[in-house]
N, C-alpha and C. Protein backbone atom coordinates (compact mmCIF):
# COMPACT_ATOMS: atom_id res chain seq x y z
N UNK A 1 11.02 53.17 -80.29
CA UNK A 1 12.24 52.66 -79.67
C UNK A 1 12.03 52.52 -78.16
N UNK A 2 12.62 51.47 -77.61
CA UNK A 2 12.54 51.23 -76.17
C UNK A 2 13.85 50.59 -75.72
N UNK A 3 14.16 50.63 -74.42
CA UNK A 3 15.40 50.01 -73.94
C UNK A 3 15.32 48.49 -73.96
N UNK A 4 16.45 47.85 -74.23
CA UNK A 4 16.55 46.39 -74.19
C UNK A 4 16.24 45.92 -72.77
N UNK A 5 15.49 44.83 -72.62
CA UNK A 5 15.06 44.33 -71.32
C UNK A 5 16.20 43.73 -70.49
N UNK A 6 17.38 43.53 -71.08
CA UNK A 6 18.50 42.97 -70.31
C UNK A 6 19.16 44.01 -69.42
N UNK A 7 18.84 45.29 -69.66
CA UNK A 7 19.42 46.34 -68.84
C UNK A 7 20.69 46.94 -69.40
N UNK A 8 21.04 46.60 -70.63
CA UNK A 8 22.29 47.10 -71.22
C UNK A 8 22.19 48.58 -71.59
N UNK A 9 20.96 49.10 -71.70
CA UNK A 9 20.77 50.50 -72.04
C UNK A 9 20.63 50.77 -73.53
N UNK A 10 20.82 49.78 -74.37
CA UNK A 10 20.68 49.97 -75.81
C UNK A 10 19.21 50.05 -76.18
N UNK A 11 18.91 50.89 -77.17
CA UNK A 11 17.54 51.05 -77.63
C UNK A 11 17.25 50.08 -78.77
N UNK A 12 16.05 49.51 -78.75
CA UNK A 12 15.62 48.57 -79.79
C UNK A 12 14.22 48.94 -80.24
N UNK A 13 13.84 48.46 -81.39
CA UNK A 13 12.44 48.59 -81.81
C UNK A 13 11.65 47.48 -81.14
N UNK A 14 10.35 47.70 -80.93
CA UNK A 14 9.58 46.66 -80.25
C UNK A 14 9.11 45.55 -81.17
N UNK A 15 9.35 45.68 -82.47
CA UNK A 15 9.01 44.63 -83.43
C UNK A 15 10.21 44.38 -84.34
N UNK A 16 10.41 43.12 -84.72
CA UNK A 16 11.50 42.82 -85.65
C UNK A 16 11.02 42.98 -87.09
N UNK A 17 11.86 42.64 -88.05
CA UNK A 17 11.50 42.86 -89.46
C UNK A 17 10.40 41.92 -89.94
N UNK A 18 10.04 40.92 -89.14
CA UNK A 18 8.91 40.04 -89.49
C UNK A 18 7.69 40.36 -88.63
N UNK A 19 7.71 41.54 -88.01
CA UNK A 19 6.62 42.07 -87.20
C UNK A 19 6.35 41.25 -85.93
N UNK A 20 7.39 40.55 -85.44
CA UNK A 20 7.26 39.80 -84.19
C UNK A 20 7.69 40.70 -83.03
N UNK A 21 6.92 40.67 -81.93
CA UNK A 21 7.24 41.45 -80.75
C UNK A 21 8.50 40.88 -80.08
N UNK A 22 9.36 41.74 -79.59
CA UNK A 22 10.53 41.27 -78.82
C UNK A 22 10.91 42.29 -77.77
N UNK A 23 11.56 41.79 -76.71
CA UNK A 23 11.98 42.63 -75.58
C UNK A 23 13.47 42.87 -75.55
N UNK A 24 14.25 42.01 -76.23
CA UNK A 24 15.71 42.05 -76.14
C UNK A 24 16.33 42.32 -77.50
N UNK A 25 17.51 42.93 -77.46
CA UNK A 25 18.34 43.00 -78.66
C UNK A 25 18.83 41.58 -78.92
N UNK A 26 19.05 41.23 -80.17
CA UNK A 26 19.47 39.86 -80.51
C UNK A 26 20.67 39.43 -79.67
N UNK A 27 20.55 38.30 -78.99
CA UNK A 27 21.63 37.74 -78.18
C UNK A 27 21.64 38.20 -76.73
N UNK A 28 20.86 39.20 -76.38
CA UNK A 28 20.90 39.73 -75.01
C UNK A 28 20.00 38.97 -74.04
N UNK A 29 19.07 38.18 -74.51
CA UNK A 29 18.16 37.49 -73.61
C UNK A 29 18.79 36.29 -72.92
N UNK A 30 20.00 35.94 -73.26
CA UNK A 30 20.62 34.77 -72.64
C UNK A 30 21.50 35.14 -71.45
N UNK A 31 21.56 36.41 -71.09
CA UNK A 31 22.47 36.83 -70.04
C UNK A 31 21.74 37.55 -68.92
N UNK A 32 22.16 37.30 -67.71
CA UNK A 32 21.78 38.12 -66.57
C UNK A 32 20.32 38.15 -66.20
N UNK A 33 19.94 39.23 -65.57
CA UNK A 33 18.62 39.36 -64.97
C UNK A 33 17.48 39.32 -65.98
N UNK A 34 17.74 39.62 -67.23
CA UNK A 34 16.70 39.58 -68.24
C UNK A 34 16.27 38.16 -68.60
N UNK A 35 17.10 37.19 -68.28
CA UNK A 35 16.79 35.80 -68.61
C UNK A 35 15.78 35.25 -67.61
N UNK A 36 14.69 34.63 -68.07
CA UNK A 36 13.71 34.10 -67.13
C UNK A 36 14.26 33.03 -66.20
N UNK A 37 15.36 32.40 -66.56
CA UNK A 37 15.97 31.38 -65.71
C UNK A 37 17.02 31.95 -64.75
N UNK A 38 17.20 33.28 -64.77
CA UNK A 38 18.20 33.91 -63.90
C UNK A 38 17.86 33.65 -62.45
N UNK A 39 18.83 33.26 -61.65
CA UNK A 39 18.61 32.89 -60.25
C UNK A 39 19.62 33.60 -59.36
N UNK A 40 19.64 34.92 -59.41
CA UNK A 40 20.55 35.73 -58.60
C UNK A 40 22.01 35.32 -58.76
N UNK A 41 22.39 34.91 -59.95
CA UNK A 41 23.78 34.57 -60.21
C UNK A 41 24.18 33.18 -59.77
N UNK A 42 23.20 32.38 -59.31
CA UNK A 42 23.50 31.03 -58.83
C UNK A 42 23.00 30.03 -59.87
N UNK A 43 23.82 29.04 -60.16
CA UNK A 43 23.45 28.05 -61.17
C UNK A 43 24.06 26.71 -60.77
N UNK A 44 23.82 25.72 -61.59
CA UNK A 44 24.41 24.41 -61.36
C UNK A 44 25.31 24.04 -62.52
N UNK A 45 26.46 23.51 -62.21
CA UNK A 45 27.39 23.00 -63.21
C UNK A 45 27.55 21.52 -62.88
N UNK A 46 26.81 20.69 -63.57
CA UNK A 46 26.71 19.26 -63.25
C UNK A 46 26.21 19.15 -61.82
N UNK A 47 27.03 18.72 -60.90
CA UNK A 47 26.56 18.57 -59.53
C UNK A 47 27.09 19.64 -58.60
N UNK A 48 27.75 20.66 -59.12
CA UNK A 48 28.29 21.73 -58.28
C UNK A 48 27.45 22.99 -58.39
N UNK A 49 27.43 23.77 -57.33
CA UNK A 49 26.79 25.08 -57.36
C UNK A 49 27.83 26.08 -57.84
N UNK A 50 27.46 26.91 -58.81
CA UNK A 50 28.37 27.92 -59.32
C UNK A 50 27.74 29.29 -59.16
N UNK A 51 28.57 30.29 -58.90
CA UNK A 51 28.13 31.65 -58.63
C UNK A 51 28.68 32.57 -59.71
N UNK A 52 27.85 33.50 -60.18
CA UNK A 52 28.30 34.45 -61.18
C UNK A 52 29.10 35.56 -60.50
N UNK A 53 30.40 35.55 -60.71
CA UNK A 53 31.33 36.56 -60.19
C UNK A 53 32.37 36.81 -61.28
N UNK A 54 31.98 37.54 -62.34
CA UNK A 54 32.87 37.69 -63.50
C UNK A 54 34.21 38.35 -63.21
N UNK A 55 34.31 39.12 -62.12
CA UNK A 55 35.57 39.79 -61.81
C UNK A 55 36.49 38.97 -60.91
N UNK A 56 36.04 37.80 -60.47
CA UNK A 56 36.86 36.97 -59.59
C UNK A 56 37.96 36.29 -60.40
N UNK A 57 39.12 36.14 -59.81
CA UNK A 57 40.26 35.56 -60.53
C UNK A 57 40.05 34.10 -60.91
N UNK A 58 39.15 33.40 -60.25
CA UNK A 58 38.87 32.00 -60.56
C UNK A 58 37.72 31.84 -61.55
N UNK A 59 37.12 32.94 -62.00
CA UNK A 59 35.95 32.86 -62.88
C UNK A 59 36.31 32.21 -64.21
N UNK A 60 35.37 31.39 -64.71
CA UNK A 60 35.55 30.79 -66.03
C UNK A 60 35.18 31.82 -67.10
N UNK A 61 35.19 31.42 -68.35
CA UNK A 61 34.95 32.37 -69.44
C UNK A 61 33.54 32.94 -69.42
N UNK A 62 32.60 32.26 -68.74
CA UNK A 62 31.24 32.78 -68.62
C UNK A 62 31.05 33.60 -67.34
N UNK A 63 32.09 33.69 -66.51
CA UNK A 63 32.03 34.50 -65.31
C UNK A 63 31.60 33.76 -64.05
N UNK A 64 31.60 32.42 -64.08
CA UNK A 64 31.16 31.64 -62.92
C UNK A 64 32.33 31.05 -62.15
N UNK A 65 32.13 30.93 -60.83
CA UNK A 65 33.12 30.34 -59.92
C UNK A 65 32.39 29.29 -59.10
N UNK A 66 33.06 28.16 -58.84
CA UNK A 66 32.46 27.13 -57.99
C UNK A 66 32.32 27.67 -56.56
N UNK A 67 31.11 27.53 -56.01
CA UNK A 67 30.81 28.08 -54.70
C UNK A 67 31.72 27.52 -53.61
N UNK A 68 32.05 26.23 -53.66
CA UNK A 68 32.87 25.64 -52.61
C UNK A 68 34.25 26.29 -52.54
N UNK A 69 34.78 26.72 -53.68
CA UNK A 69 36.08 27.41 -53.69
C UNK A 69 35.96 28.80 -53.05
N UNK A 70 34.86 29.48 -53.34
CA UNK A 70 34.62 30.79 -52.74
C UNK A 70 34.46 30.68 -51.22
N UNK A 71 33.68 29.69 -50.79
CA UNK A 71 33.45 29.48 -49.35
C UNK A 71 34.78 29.22 -48.64
N UNK A 72 35.60 28.35 -49.22
CA UNK A 72 36.89 28.00 -48.61
C UNK A 72 37.80 29.24 -48.51
N UNK A 73 37.92 29.96 -49.62
CA UNK A 73 38.79 31.15 -49.63
C UNK A 73 38.30 32.21 -48.63
N UNK A 74 37.00 32.40 -48.56
CA UNK A 74 36.44 33.40 -47.65
C UNK A 74 36.71 33.03 -46.20
N UNK A 75 36.46 31.77 -45.86
CA UNK A 75 36.61 31.33 -44.47
C UNK A 75 38.07 31.39 -44.02
N UNK A 76 38.97 30.88 -44.86
CA UNK A 76 40.38 30.82 -44.48
C UNK A 76 41.17 32.06 -44.90
N UNK A 77 40.50 33.03 -45.51
CA UNK A 77 41.14 34.27 -45.94
C UNK A 77 42.41 33.99 -46.73
N UNK A 78 42.24 33.17 -47.79
CA UNK A 78 43.38 32.75 -48.60
C UNK A 78 43.02 32.79 -50.07
N UNK A 79 44.00 32.60 -50.91
CA UNK A 79 43.79 32.45 -52.35
C UNK A 79 44.27 31.06 -52.74
N UNK A 80 43.39 30.27 -53.29
CA UNK A 80 43.75 28.91 -53.67
C UNK A 80 44.70 28.93 -54.85
N UNK A 81 45.72 28.14 -54.75
CA UNK A 81 46.69 28.02 -55.83
C UNK A 81 46.18 27.06 -56.91
N UNK A 82 46.67 27.21 -58.15
CA UNK A 82 46.32 26.23 -59.18
C UNK A 82 46.80 24.84 -58.73
N UNK A 83 46.04 23.83 -59.01
CA UNK A 83 46.42 22.48 -58.61
C UNK A 83 45.84 22.06 -57.27
N UNK A 84 45.24 23.00 -56.54
CA UNK A 84 44.59 22.67 -55.28
C UNK A 84 43.11 22.46 -55.56
N UNK A 85 42.57 21.36 -55.06
CA UNK A 85 41.15 21.08 -55.20
C UNK A 85 40.50 21.12 -53.83
N UNK A 86 39.21 21.35 -53.81
CA UNK A 86 38.45 21.34 -52.56
C UNK A 86 37.61 20.07 -52.56
N UNK A 87 37.90 19.22 -51.60
CA UNK A 87 37.22 17.92 -51.46
C UNK A 87 36.00 18.08 -50.56
N UNK A 88 34.88 17.48 -50.96
CA UNK A 88 33.68 17.44 -50.14
C UNK A 88 33.73 16.15 -49.32
N UNK A 89 33.96 16.27 -48.03
CA UNK A 89 34.19 15.11 -47.16
C UNK A 89 33.04 14.10 -47.18
N UNK A 90 31.80 14.60 -47.22
CA UNK A 90 30.66 13.67 -47.18
C UNK A 90 30.21 13.23 -48.57
N UNK A 91 30.90 13.68 -49.61
CA UNK A 91 30.58 13.26 -50.96
C UNK A 91 29.47 14.06 -51.62
N UNK A 92 28.78 14.92 -50.88
CA UNK A 92 27.70 15.75 -51.44
C UNK A 92 28.29 17.05 -51.96
N UNK A 93 28.39 17.16 -53.28
CA UNK A 93 29.06 18.32 -53.88
C UNK A 93 28.23 19.60 -53.81
N UNK A 94 27.00 19.50 -53.33
CA UNK A 94 26.18 20.70 -53.11
C UNK A 94 26.23 21.15 -51.66
N UNK A 95 26.85 20.37 -50.79
CA UNK A 95 26.98 20.71 -49.37
C UNK A 95 28.27 21.50 -49.19
N UNK A 96 28.15 22.82 -49.23
CA UNK A 96 29.33 23.68 -49.17
C UNK A 96 29.55 24.32 -47.80
N UNK A 97 29.12 23.61 -46.75
CA UNK A 97 29.44 24.07 -45.40
C UNK A 97 30.95 23.91 -45.19
N UNK A 98 31.55 24.85 -44.49
CA UNK A 98 33.02 24.84 -44.34
C UNK A 98 33.51 23.55 -43.68
N UNK A 99 32.72 22.97 -42.76
CA UNK A 99 33.15 21.73 -42.10
C UNK A 99 33.15 20.53 -43.05
N UNK A 100 32.54 20.69 -44.23
CA UNK A 100 32.53 19.61 -45.22
C UNK A 100 33.61 19.78 -46.29
N UNK A 101 34.38 20.86 -46.21
CA UNK A 101 35.36 21.17 -47.25
C UNK A 101 36.79 20.96 -46.76
N UNK A 102 37.61 20.37 -47.62
CA UNK A 102 39.01 20.13 -47.28
C UNK A 102 39.86 20.37 -48.52
N UNK A 103 40.88 21.22 -48.38
CA UNK A 103 41.79 21.49 -49.50
C UNK A 103 42.82 20.38 -49.59
N UNK A 104 43.14 20.00 -50.82
CA UNK A 104 44.17 18.99 -51.03
C UNK A 104 44.69 19.10 -52.46
N UNK A 105 45.82 18.46 -52.71
CA UNK A 105 46.35 18.46 -54.07
C UNK A 105 45.52 17.52 -54.94
N UNK A 106 45.68 17.65 -56.24
CA UNK A 106 44.95 16.76 -57.15
C UNK A 106 45.32 15.30 -56.89
N UNK A 107 46.59 15.06 -56.59
CA UNK A 107 47.05 13.70 -56.31
C UNK A 107 46.40 13.15 -55.04
N UNK A 108 46.40 13.96 -53.97
CA UNK A 108 45.75 13.52 -52.73
C UNK A 108 44.27 13.23 -52.96
N UNK A 109 43.63 14.08 -53.77
CA UNK A 109 42.21 13.91 -54.05
C UNK A 109 41.95 12.62 -54.82
N UNK A 110 42.79 12.34 -55.80
CA UNK A 110 42.65 11.11 -56.57
C UNK A 110 42.82 9.89 -55.66
N UNK A 111 43.80 9.93 -54.77
CA UNK A 111 44.03 8.82 -53.84
C UNK A 111 42.86 8.68 -52.87
N UNK A 112 42.32 9.78 -52.44
CA UNK A 112 41.16 9.76 -51.54
C UNK A 112 39.99 9.02 -52.18
N UNK A 113 39.70 9.35 -53.42
CA UNK A 113 38.59 8.71 -54.11
C UNK A 113 38.91 7.28 -54.52
N UNK A 114 40.14 7.00 -54.85
CA UNK A 114 40.53 5.64 -55.21
C UNK A 114 40.38 4.73 -54.00
N UNK A 115 40.74 5.23 -52.83
CA UNK A 115 40.62 4.43 -51.59
C UNK A 115 39.18 4.05 -51.31
N UNK A 116 38.25 4.97 -51.49
CA UNK A 116 36.84 4.69 -51.23
C UNK A 116 36.27 3.69 -52.23
N UNK A 117 36.80 3.71 -53.41
CA UNK A 117 36.31 2.84 -54.49
C UNK A 117 36.48 1.36 -54.11
N UNK A 118 37.53 1.02 -53.39
CA UNK A 118 37.78 -0.38 -53.05
C UNK A 118 36.89 -0.89 -51.92
N UNK A 119 36.27 0.02 -51.17
CA UNK A 119 35.49 -0.41 -50.03
C UNK A 119 33.99 -0.40 -50.29
N UNK A 120 33.57 -0.16 -51.52
CA UNK A 120 32.14 -0.16 -51.85
C UNK A 120 31.70 -1.58 -52.24
N UNK A 121 30.73 -2.08 -51.57
CA UNK A 121 30.13 -3.38 -51.93
C UNK A 121 28.71 -3.43 -51.48
């Protein structure tokens, strides 16, 4: 018996019933630091950077929060209300510098993007 490599503390055998070597209890290799793709809690959700903060009130069911929302709340010392979106002024959704972020309602955000759509040629 040895501890599961995910850090959960559960003991496992080092071979399964088909005599294959394994480091994790079934299902534990997809979470956290034990996963070879783990990147200190930072990941990508389409074109946004997401941070693993399972205890945050904005966390999704997997425990991730969009970094731009965290940056905005931290800088302005506020809690974003439902229905408020954070707009990336330069259009780069990975650029989460505070000077690139602007809070607005969903309606304002839709109008902002609709306006730009007419001027592209």
